[in-house]
Protein backbone atom coordinates (compact mmCIF):
# COMPACT_ATOMS: atom_id res chain seq x y z
CA MET A 1 256.31 20.15 6.77
CA SER A 2 256.08 16.62 6.21
CA ASN A 3 257.19 14.07 9.00
CA PRO A 4 260.05 12.79 6.34
CA VAL A 5 261.93 16.52 6.67
CA GLN A 6 261.30 16.86 10.17
CA ARG A 7 263.46 13.61 10.49
CA TRP A 8 265.73 14.61 8.23
CA LEU A 9 266.36 18.02 9.74
CA GLU A 10 266.80 16.30 12.86
CA HIS A 11 269.10 14.08 11.07
CA ILE A 12 270.96 17.32 9.98
CA ARG A 13 270.86 19.35 13.56
CA TYR A 14 272.79 16.20 14.88
CA LEU A 15 275.10 15.73 12.55
CA ALA A 16 276.28 19.60 12.09
CA GLY A 17 274.99 20.66 14.91
CA THR A 18 275.54 18.25 17.79
CA ILE A 19 278.98 16.95 16.52
CA GLY A 20 279.22 19.84 14.23
CA PRO A 21 282.85 20.04 11.62
CA ARG A 22 283.35 16.75 10.46
CA GLY A 23 286.79 16.72 8.98
CA PRO A 24 288.09 13.57 6.81
CA THR A 25 289.54 11.38 9.11
CA THR A 26 288.70 12.95 12.55
CA PRO A 27 287.05 12.16 15.32
CA GLU A 28 284.14 14.44 14.43
CA GLU A 29 283.96 12.13 11.01
CA LYS A 30 284.11 9.09 13.35
CA LYS A 31 280.98 10.47 15.27
CA ALA A 32 279.27 11.16 12.06
CA LEU A 33 279.77 7.68 10.72
CA ASP A 34 278.74 6.49 14.05
CA TYR A 35 275.56 7.58 14.52
CA CYS A 36 275.03 6.70 10.85
CA GLY A 37 275.33 3.11 11.52
CA ARG A 38 273.60 3.17 14.62
CA THR A 39 270.89 4.43 13.13
CA LEU A 40 270.90 1.95 10.32
CA VAL A 41 271.33 -0.65 12.82
CA THR A 42 267.74 0.74 14.71
CA LEU A 43 265.85 0.52 11.56
CA GLY A 44 266.38 -3.63 11.32
CA LEU A 45 267.87 -3.28 7.94
CA PRO A 46 270.81 -5.68 6.90
CA THR A 47 273.95 -3.64 7.73
CA GLY A 48 277.77 -3.38 6.87
CA GLU A 49 280.62 -1.19 6.53
CA ASP A 50 283.58 -0.48 4.32
CA HIS A 51 286.93 0.38 5.82
CA PHE A 52 289.71 2.01 4.14
CA LEU A 53 292.91 4.45 4.40
CA SER A 54 292.78 8.11 3.82
CA ALA A 55 295.07 10.68 2.98
CA GLY A 56 292.52 13.60 5.11
CA SER A 57 293.08 16.29 2.43
CA VAL A 58 292.46 17.40 -1.18
CA PHE A 59 295.08 19.85 -0.91
CA ARG A 60 297.95 17.59 0.03
CA PRO A 61 298.94 15.81 -3.16
CA HIS A 62 298.62 19.13 -4.99
CA LEU A 63 301.21 20.83 -1.88
CA VAL A 64 303.54 17.68 -2.99
CA ALA A 65 303.31 18.37 -6.74
CA ALA A 66 304.20 21.88 -5.92
CA LEU A 67 307.01 20.51 -3.91
CA GLY A 68 307.91 18.01 -7.11
CA PHE A 69 308.38 21.39 -9.82
CA LEU A 70 310.48 23.36 -7.20
CA ALA A 71 312.37 20.54 -6.73
CA ALA A 72 312.69 20.30 -10.31
CA PHE A 73 313.65 24.03 -10.84
CA VAL A 74 316.43 23.71 -7.87
CA ILE A 75 318.07 20.31 -9.51
CA TYR A 76 317.75 21.41 -13.16
CA PRO A 77 321.37 23.71 -13.00
CA LEU A 78 323.62 21.61 -10.34
CA SER A 79 325.54 19.57 -12.67
CA PRO A 80 324.86 19.53 -16.48
CA PRO A 81 324.21 17.67 -18.61
CA LEU A 82 322.53 15.03 -16.15
CA THR A 83 320.59 17.21 -13.59
CA PRO A 84 318.47 18.95 -16.87
CA TRP A 85 317.64 15.47 -17.89
CA LEU A 86 316.54 14.35 -14.32
CA ALA A 87 315.15 17.51 -13.75
CA ALA A 88 313.14 17.35 -17.18
CA ILE A 89 312.09 13.34 -15.90
CA LEU A 90 310.71 14.69 -12.46
CA ALA A 91 308.77 17.70 -13.47
CA LEU A 92 307.12 15.39 -16.28
CA ALA A 93 306.52 12.37 -13.95
CA VAL A 94 304.85 15.45 -11.50
CA LEU A 95 303.00 16.83 -14.15
CA VAL A 96 301.45 13.38 -15.19
CA SER A 97 300.39 12.99 -11.54
CA GLU A 98 298.85 16.40 -11.00
CA VAL A 99 297.07 15.62 -14.49
CA LEU A 100 295.45 11.67 -13.00
CA GLU A 101 294.72 13.64 -9.51
CA LEU A 102 292.77 16.21 -11.17
CA LEU A 103 291.39 13.32 -12.54
CA GLN A 104 290.67 11.32 -9.70
CA ARG A 105 292.78 8.75 -10.41
CA PRO A 106 295.56 6.72 -8.64
CA ASN A 107 298.74 8.63 -8.75
CA PRO A 108 301.92 9.30 -6.54
CA LEU A 109 301.23 12.24 -5.52
CA GLN A 110 298.65 10.03 -2.93
CA TRP A 111 301.35 7.47 -2.31
CA VAL A 112 303.63 9.48 0.08
CA LEU A 113 300.97 11.18 2.18
CA PRO A 114 300.64 9.23 5.40
CA LYS A 115 297.26 8.06 5.52
CA ALA A 116 294.49 7.50 8.52
CA PRO A 117 291.59 5.02 9.07
CA SER A 118 288.00 5.69 7.92
CA ARG A 119 284.69 3.82 6.37
CA ASN A 120 281.60 3.79 4.98
CA VAL A 121 278.46 2.31 6.43
CA TYR A 122 275.03 0.95 4.40
CA ALA A 123 272.35 -0.56 4.54
CA THR A 124 269.88 -2.50 1.74
CA VAL A 125 266.46 -2.27 1.31
CA ASP A 126 264.86 -4.93 -0.43
CA PRO A 127 262.07 -4.71 -2.87
CA SER A 128 258.39 -6.19 -2.38
CA GLY A 129 259.08 -7.91 -5.07
CA PRO A 130 261.94 -9.72 -6.98
CA ALA A 131 264.81 -7.17 -7.46
CA GLU A 132 265.70 -6.67 -10.75
CA GLN A 133 268.05 -4.09 -10.60
CA ASP A 134 270.08 -2.13 -8.11
CA LEU A 135 270.09 1.29 -7.13
CA VAL A 136 272.62 3.29 -4.80
CA LEU A 137 271.71 6.23 -3.07
CA ILE A 138 274.93 8.28 -1.59
CA GLY A 139 276.12 10.77 0.44
CA HIS A 140 278.90 11.74 2.49
CA VAL A 141 278.98 12.72 6.57
CA ASP A 142 282.27 14.52 6.16
CA THR A 143 282.86 17.87 6.08
CA GLN A 144 285.66 20.34 3.51
CA ARG A 145 288.26 23.39 5.38
CA THR A 146 287.24 26.87 5.23
CA ALA A 147 290.33 27.71 2.57
CA LYS A 148 290.53 31.53 1.41
CA ILE A 149 289.76 30.54 -2.10
CA PHE A 150 286.07 29.71 -1.11
CA SER A 151 285.57 32.50 0.79
CA SER A 152 284.18 34.70 -2.40
CA PRO A 153 283.07 34.47 -5.93
CA GLY A 154 285.76 36.42 -6.31
CA TRP A 155 288.43 34.71 -4.74
CA PHE A 156 286.98 31.23 -6.71
CA LEU A 157 287.78 33.08 -9.96
CA ALA A 158 290.94 33.99 -9.09
CA TYR A 159 291.81 30.51 -7.32
CA ARG A 160 290.58 28.85 -11.37
CA THR A 161 292.25 31.84 -12.85
CA PHE A 162 295.38 30.89 -11.45
CA SER A 163 295.07 27.03 -11.63
CA THR A 164 294.88 27.67 -15.30
CA VAL A 165 297.74 29.65 -15.79
CA ALA A 166 300.08 27.38 -13.44
CA PHE A 167 299.44 24.44 -15.10
CA VAL A 168 300.07 26.02 -18.38
CA SER A 169 303.05 27.46 -16.99
CA PHE A 170 304.33 23.58 -15.90
CA VAL A 171 303.42 22.38 -19.26
CA TRP A 172 305.64 24.82 -20.22
CA MET A 173 308.15 23.55 -17.96
CA VAL A 174 308.38 19.87 -18.96
CA PHE A 175 308.49 20.89 -22.40
CA THR A 176 311.55 23.51 -22.08
CA TYR A 177 313.39 21.08 -19.87
CA PHE A 178 313.88 18.05 -22.20
CA LEU A 179 314.72 20.66 -25.13
CA GLY A 180 317.17 22.34 -22.79
CA ALA A 181 318.86 18.85 -21.81
CA ALA A 182 318.70 17.68 -25.31
CA PHE A 183 320.26 20.86 -26.69
CA GLY A 184 321.90 22.63 -23.89
CA TRP A 185 320.37 26.08 -24.33
CA ALA A 186 321.33 27.83 -21.68
CA TRP A 187 317.73 30.10 -21.60
CA VAL A 188 315.44 27.62 -20.21
CA TRP A 189 316.57 27.76 -17.13
CA PRO A 190 316.29 31.46 -15.71
CA ALA A 191 312.75 31.42 -18.26
CA SER A 192 311.72 28.59 -16.12
CA ALA A 193 311.63 30.78 -13.12
CA VAL A 194 307.90 32.01 -13.68
CA SER A 195 307.00 27.91 -13.51
CA ALA A 196 308.64 28.38 -9.79
CA PHE A 197 307.06 31.15 -8.63
CA MET A 198 303.58 29.46 -10.06
CA GLY A 199 305.07 26.54 -7.83
CA LEU A 200 305.53 28.76 -4.94
CA GLY A 201 302.20 30.15 -5.36
CA LEU A 202 300.73 26.80 -5.19
CA LEU A 203 302.26 26.25 -2.20
CA ALA A 204 301.41 28.61 -0.52
CA LEU A 205 297.45 28.48 -1.46
CA THR A 206 297.56 24.62 -0.37
CA VAL A 207 299.35 25.31 3.17
CA GLU A 208 296.89 27.73 3.80
CA ALA A 209 293.58 25.78 2.78
CA ASP A 210 295.11 22.60 4.65
CA ARG A 211 295.68 24.93 8.01
CA SER A 212 292.60 26.23 7.91
CA PRO A 213 288.99 25.26 10.02
CA PHE A 214 286.64 22.71 9.04
CA THR A 215 283.06 23.98 8.33
CA PRO A 216 280.10 22.72 9.96
CA GLY A 217 279.07 21.44 6.87
CA ALA A 218 274.83 21.12 7.19
CA ASN A 219 274.34 21.61 3.76
CA ASP A 220 277.23 20.52 2.14
CA ASN A 221 276.54 17.53 3.56
CA ALA A 222 274.90 16.83 6.53
CA THR A 223 272.32 17.21 4.48
CA ALA A 224 273.02 14.64 1.89
CA ALA A 225 273.80 11.24 5.01
CA GLY A 226 270.77 12.77 6.76
CA LEU A 227 268.24 12.08 3.37
CA VAL A 228 270.15 8.77 2.82
CA LEU A 229 268.99 7.73 6.65
CA THR A 230 265.61 9.66 6.07
CA LEU A 231 264.93 7.15 2.59
CA ALA A 232 266.46 4.34 4.46
CA GLU A 233 263.51 4.66 7.13
CA GLU A 234 260.80 5.46 4.21
CA LEU A 235 261.74 2.69 2.10
CA LYS A 236 261.79 -0.32 4.61
CA ALA A 237 257.95 1.21 5.62
CA LYS A 238 257.17 1.44 1.67
CA PRO A 239 259.81 -0.18 -0.88
CA LEU A 240 259.93 -0.15 -4.49
CA ARG A 241 258.53 -3.18 -6.01
CA ARG A 242 261.94 -4.06 -8.34
CA THR A 243 264.56 -2.44 -7.34
CA ARG A 244 266.94 -3.11 -4.30
CA VAL A 245 268.52 0.03 -2.93
CA TRP A 246 271.81 0.48 -0.50
CA CYS A 247 271.83 3.31 1.45
CA VAL A 248 275.31 4.56 1.85
CA CYS A 249 276.99 7.46 3.98
CA THR A 250 280.25 7.51 3.00
CA GLY A 251 283.72 8.95 4.73
CA CYS A 252 286.25 11.16 3.17
CA GLU A 253 284.89 12.54 0.06
CA GLU A 254 286.28 16.01 0.86
CA ALA A 255 289.79 14.10 0.96
CA LEU A 256 290.05 12.08 -2.18
CA HIS A 257 286.52 10.55 -2.48
CA GLU A 258 288.37 7.11 -1.12
CA GLY A 259 284.61 6.43 0.68
CA ALA A 260 282.70 6.45 -2.78
CA LYS A 261 286.03 4.42 -4.64
CA THR A 262 286.26 1.84 -1.71
CA PHE A 263 282.34 1.35 -1.61
CA PHE A 264 282.35 0.69 -5.85
CA ARG A 265 285.40 -1.01 -6.03
CA VAL A 266 284.09 -3.88 -3.17
CA HIS A 267 280.27 -3.79 -4.09
CA LYS A 268 280.66 -3.39 -7.72
CA GLN A 269 280.13 -7.32 -8.66
CA ALA A 270 277.01 -8.00 -6.07
CA LEU A 271 275.29 -5.08 -7.98
CA VAL A 272 272.87 -6.16 -10.69
CA ASN A 273 272.51 -3.56 -13.42
CA PRO A 274 272.87 -0.22 -11.00
CA ARG A 275 272.21 3.17 -11.44
CA ALA A 276 273.64 5.46 -8.84
CA ILE A 277 272.18 8.87 -7.35
CA ALA A 278 274.69 11.00 -5.45
CA PHE A 279 272.89 13.74 -2.74
CA GLU A 280 274.63 17.10 -2.84
CA MET A 281 273.64 20.64 -0.43
CA LEU A 282 269.73 19.93 -0.78
CA GLY A 283 269.08 21.75 2.50
CA CYS A 284 269.01 25.34 0.62
CA SER A 285 268.25 25.34 -2.83
CA GLY A 286 267.30 23.16 -5.71
CA PRO A 287 265.78 20.69 -6.57
CA ALA A 288 268.39 20.73 -9.56
CA TRP A 289 269.58 17.41 -11.37
CA MET A 290 273.18 17.57 -12.47
CA VAL A 291 273.67 17.70 -16.14
CA LYS A 292 277.80 17.72 -15.75
CA GLU A 293 280.83 18.65 -13.59
CA GLY A 294 284.38 18.12 -13.00
CA VAL A 295 287.84 20.28 -12.67
CA LEU A 296 289.85 19.46 -15.42
CA LEU A 297 287.63 17.88 -17.95
CA PRO A 298 283.65 17.88 -18.24
CA ILE A 299 282.28 14.58 -16.56
CA TYR A 300 278.65 14.19 -17.86
CA SER A 301 275.60 12.26 -15.53
CA ASP A 302 274.42 9.16 -17.19
CA ARG A 303 271.73 10.18 -19.95
CA GLY A 304 268.91 7.73 -19.30
CA LEU A 305 268.96 9.17 -15.66
CA ARG A 306 268.54 12.63 -17.25
CA GLU A 307 266.04 12.00 -19.26
CA VAL A 308 263.85 10.46 -15.95
CA ALA A 309 264.67 13.33 -14.08
CA MET A 310 263.45 15.29 -17.01
CA ARG A 311 260.13 13.64 -17.70
CA VAL A 312 259.93 13.95 -13.51
CA ALA A 313 260.25 17.64 -14.06
CA ALA A 314 257.71 17.77 -16.13
CA GLU A 315 255.33 15.68 -14.49
CA HIS A 316 255.77 17.93 -11.06
CA PRO A 317 256.12 21.58 -12.32
CA GLU A 318 255.11 22.36 -9.00
CA LEU A 319 258.54 21.17 -7.42
CA GLY A 320 260.28 23.78 -10.09
CA ALA A 321 263.17 21.28 -10.82
CA TYR A 322 265.75 22.62 -13.58
CA PRO A 323 269.40 20.88 -14.93
CA GLY A 324 272.58 21.97 -13.54
CA SER A 325 276.47 22.38 -13.90
CA LEU A 326 279.17 22.30 -11.53
CA GLN A 327 282.26 24.18 -12.49
CA GLY A 328 285.95 23.22 -10.62
CA GLY A 329 284.20 20.50 -8.42
CA VAL A 330 283.91 16.77 -8.75
CA GLY A 331 281.04 15.07 -6.50
CA GLU A 332 280.34 11.41 -5.74
CA MET A 333 278.87 10.51 -9.04
CA ALA A 334 282.23 10.39 -10.81
CA ASP A 335 283.30 8.13 -8.66
CA ALA A 336 280.36 5.86 -9.77
CA LEU A 337 280.74 6.92 -13.21
CA ALA A 338 284.53 5.34 -13.07
CA ALA A 339 283.66 2.21 -11.52
CA GLY A 340 281.53 1.61 -14.73
CA VAL A 341 278.09 2.44 -12.97
CA ARG A 342 275.26 4.81 -14.31
CA ALA A 343 274.96 7.78 -12.23
CA MET A 344 273.61 11.04 -11.30
CA THR A 345 273.54 14.00 -8.66
CA ILE A 346 270.80 15.83 -7.05
CA ILE A 347 271.67 18.59 -6.11
CA GLY A 348 271.22 22.20 -4.80
CA LEU A 349 272.54 24.74 -6.85
CA THR A 350 270.58 27.79 -7.52
CA PRO A 351 269.38 28.51 -10.88
CA GLU A 352 272.46 30.64 -11.79
CA GLY A 353 274.87 27.48 -10.75
CA LYS A 354 275.63 28.67 -7.32
CA ALA A 355 276.18 26.39 -4.81
CA PRO A 356 275.07 27.97 -1.18
CA TYR A 357 277.52 28.38 1.63
CA TRP A 358 279.85 26.08 -0.29
CA HIS A 359 282.98 25.10 2.05
CA LEU A 360 282.39 28.30 4.34
CA ALA A 361 282.20 28.70 8.27
CA THR A 362 278.40 29.90 7.56
CA ASP A 363 277.27 26.62 6.54
CA THR A 364 275.48 26.38 9.95
CA VAL A 365 271.97 24.54 10.41
CA ASP A 366 269.78 27.32 10.61
CA LYS A 367 270.54 28.36 7.02
CA MET A 368 268.41 25.36 6.24
CA ASP A 369 264.61 25.93 4.21
CA PRO A 370 262.41 23.67 5.19
CA LYS A 371 260.14 24.81 2.31
CA VAL A 372 263.22 24.03 -0.03
CA MET A 373 263.52 20.59 1.48
CA GLU A 374 260.29 19.88 1.33
CA ARG A 375 260.55 20.37 -2.90
CA ASN A 376 263.95 18.47 -2.67
CA TYR A 377 262.60 15.65 -0.91
CA ARG A 378 259.50 15.19 -3.11
CA PHE A 379 261.85 15.16 -5.70
CA VAL A 380 263.70 12.35 -5.30
CA ARG A 381 260.71 10.22 -3.80
CA ALA A 382 259.41 10.62 -7.66
CA MET A 383 262.74 10.02 -9.15
CA LEU A 384 263.35 6.95 -7.25
CA GLY A 385 259.83 5.94 -7.85
CA ALA A 386 260.22 6.59 -11.70
CA VAL A 387 263.30 4.43 -11.67
CA ASP A 388 261.88 1.57 -10.22
CA ALA A 389 259.30 1.61 -12.71
CA GLN A 390 261.51 1.36 -15.71
CA TRP A 391 262.89 -2.04 -16.94
CA PRO A 392 266.74 -2.08 -16.55
CA THR A 393 267.02 -1.97 -20.41
CA GLN A 394 264.67 1.32 -20.75
CA LEU A 395 266.97 3.54 -18.41
């Protein structure tokens, strides 16, 4: 096991073992960010922080949406013809907000939630020559809750099926409520009981999820934050030739991605010909490069970075790298792309597309595989070298 991988493991042990579960906006997340900040300062690199407020949960906006659909159901029959119109408008507003939420866009569901402080910590590593481009390496320190829907492939499949049926039923509610308000059809409200039932189901799922414990998060995602810290140390000793590297440890990815969104919003104008590589779950499987991810619609990684990954994989067949896709999830690659920064994720999906210990209480330090981590580390270093060797226009 190489020295960089040993240091990488030490970071993981501290984050997931010494600190443990690190929910968004919790004191434990703050401890993890403090640790990352101290580590970067100790390296003598230029460092900084981005401060922001977070709702602290990915589930709470959907809880608000469920309450909104149920409120529309209750309001509809109270005092026609006024309340059917009010119910239809409310249901439409909630539906549009829910779509925006699934697309990781700002929406009213987030506005009504209480907020708590969090932050990012970062450092920059200058190249040995003139800086011609920027590369952002990003990994989040926080961990997700261990909701029942993540407990097994069967539960996750059932959740995805329910989500699809529920979404269709909410679209049906909006469509029929406007028709009912316009034409006074009596059958509309009883027929919408199916949508109300789905709203109750969504409410139950989100309440259960938001009350479940946080995972220790060794693989997801102490591996990413630890890798960012390890690369910062390695790159300081041996910088790239023409690429300035931003090493970013973010907060609140497992909430509403406020950390990554804040970083790219604050720093986008300072970035020159930027690319971003996000890290996810690199302790148990991989290396894989992300082709696409998404919940509602597919989000594709940057084509140029995918081509670099394919070339690196071909040049280093001993690493066994392969393309991967994540269904039912969105990482920080999506935030970079939304900000207009070309991005890709290097992730530890299995060849079958499974994410080991994803949002499970069993995501502990003892599951880390140093041999896998060695391959992942070598692939990442080869990727950085390949990106640095390319002129910005060639990517």
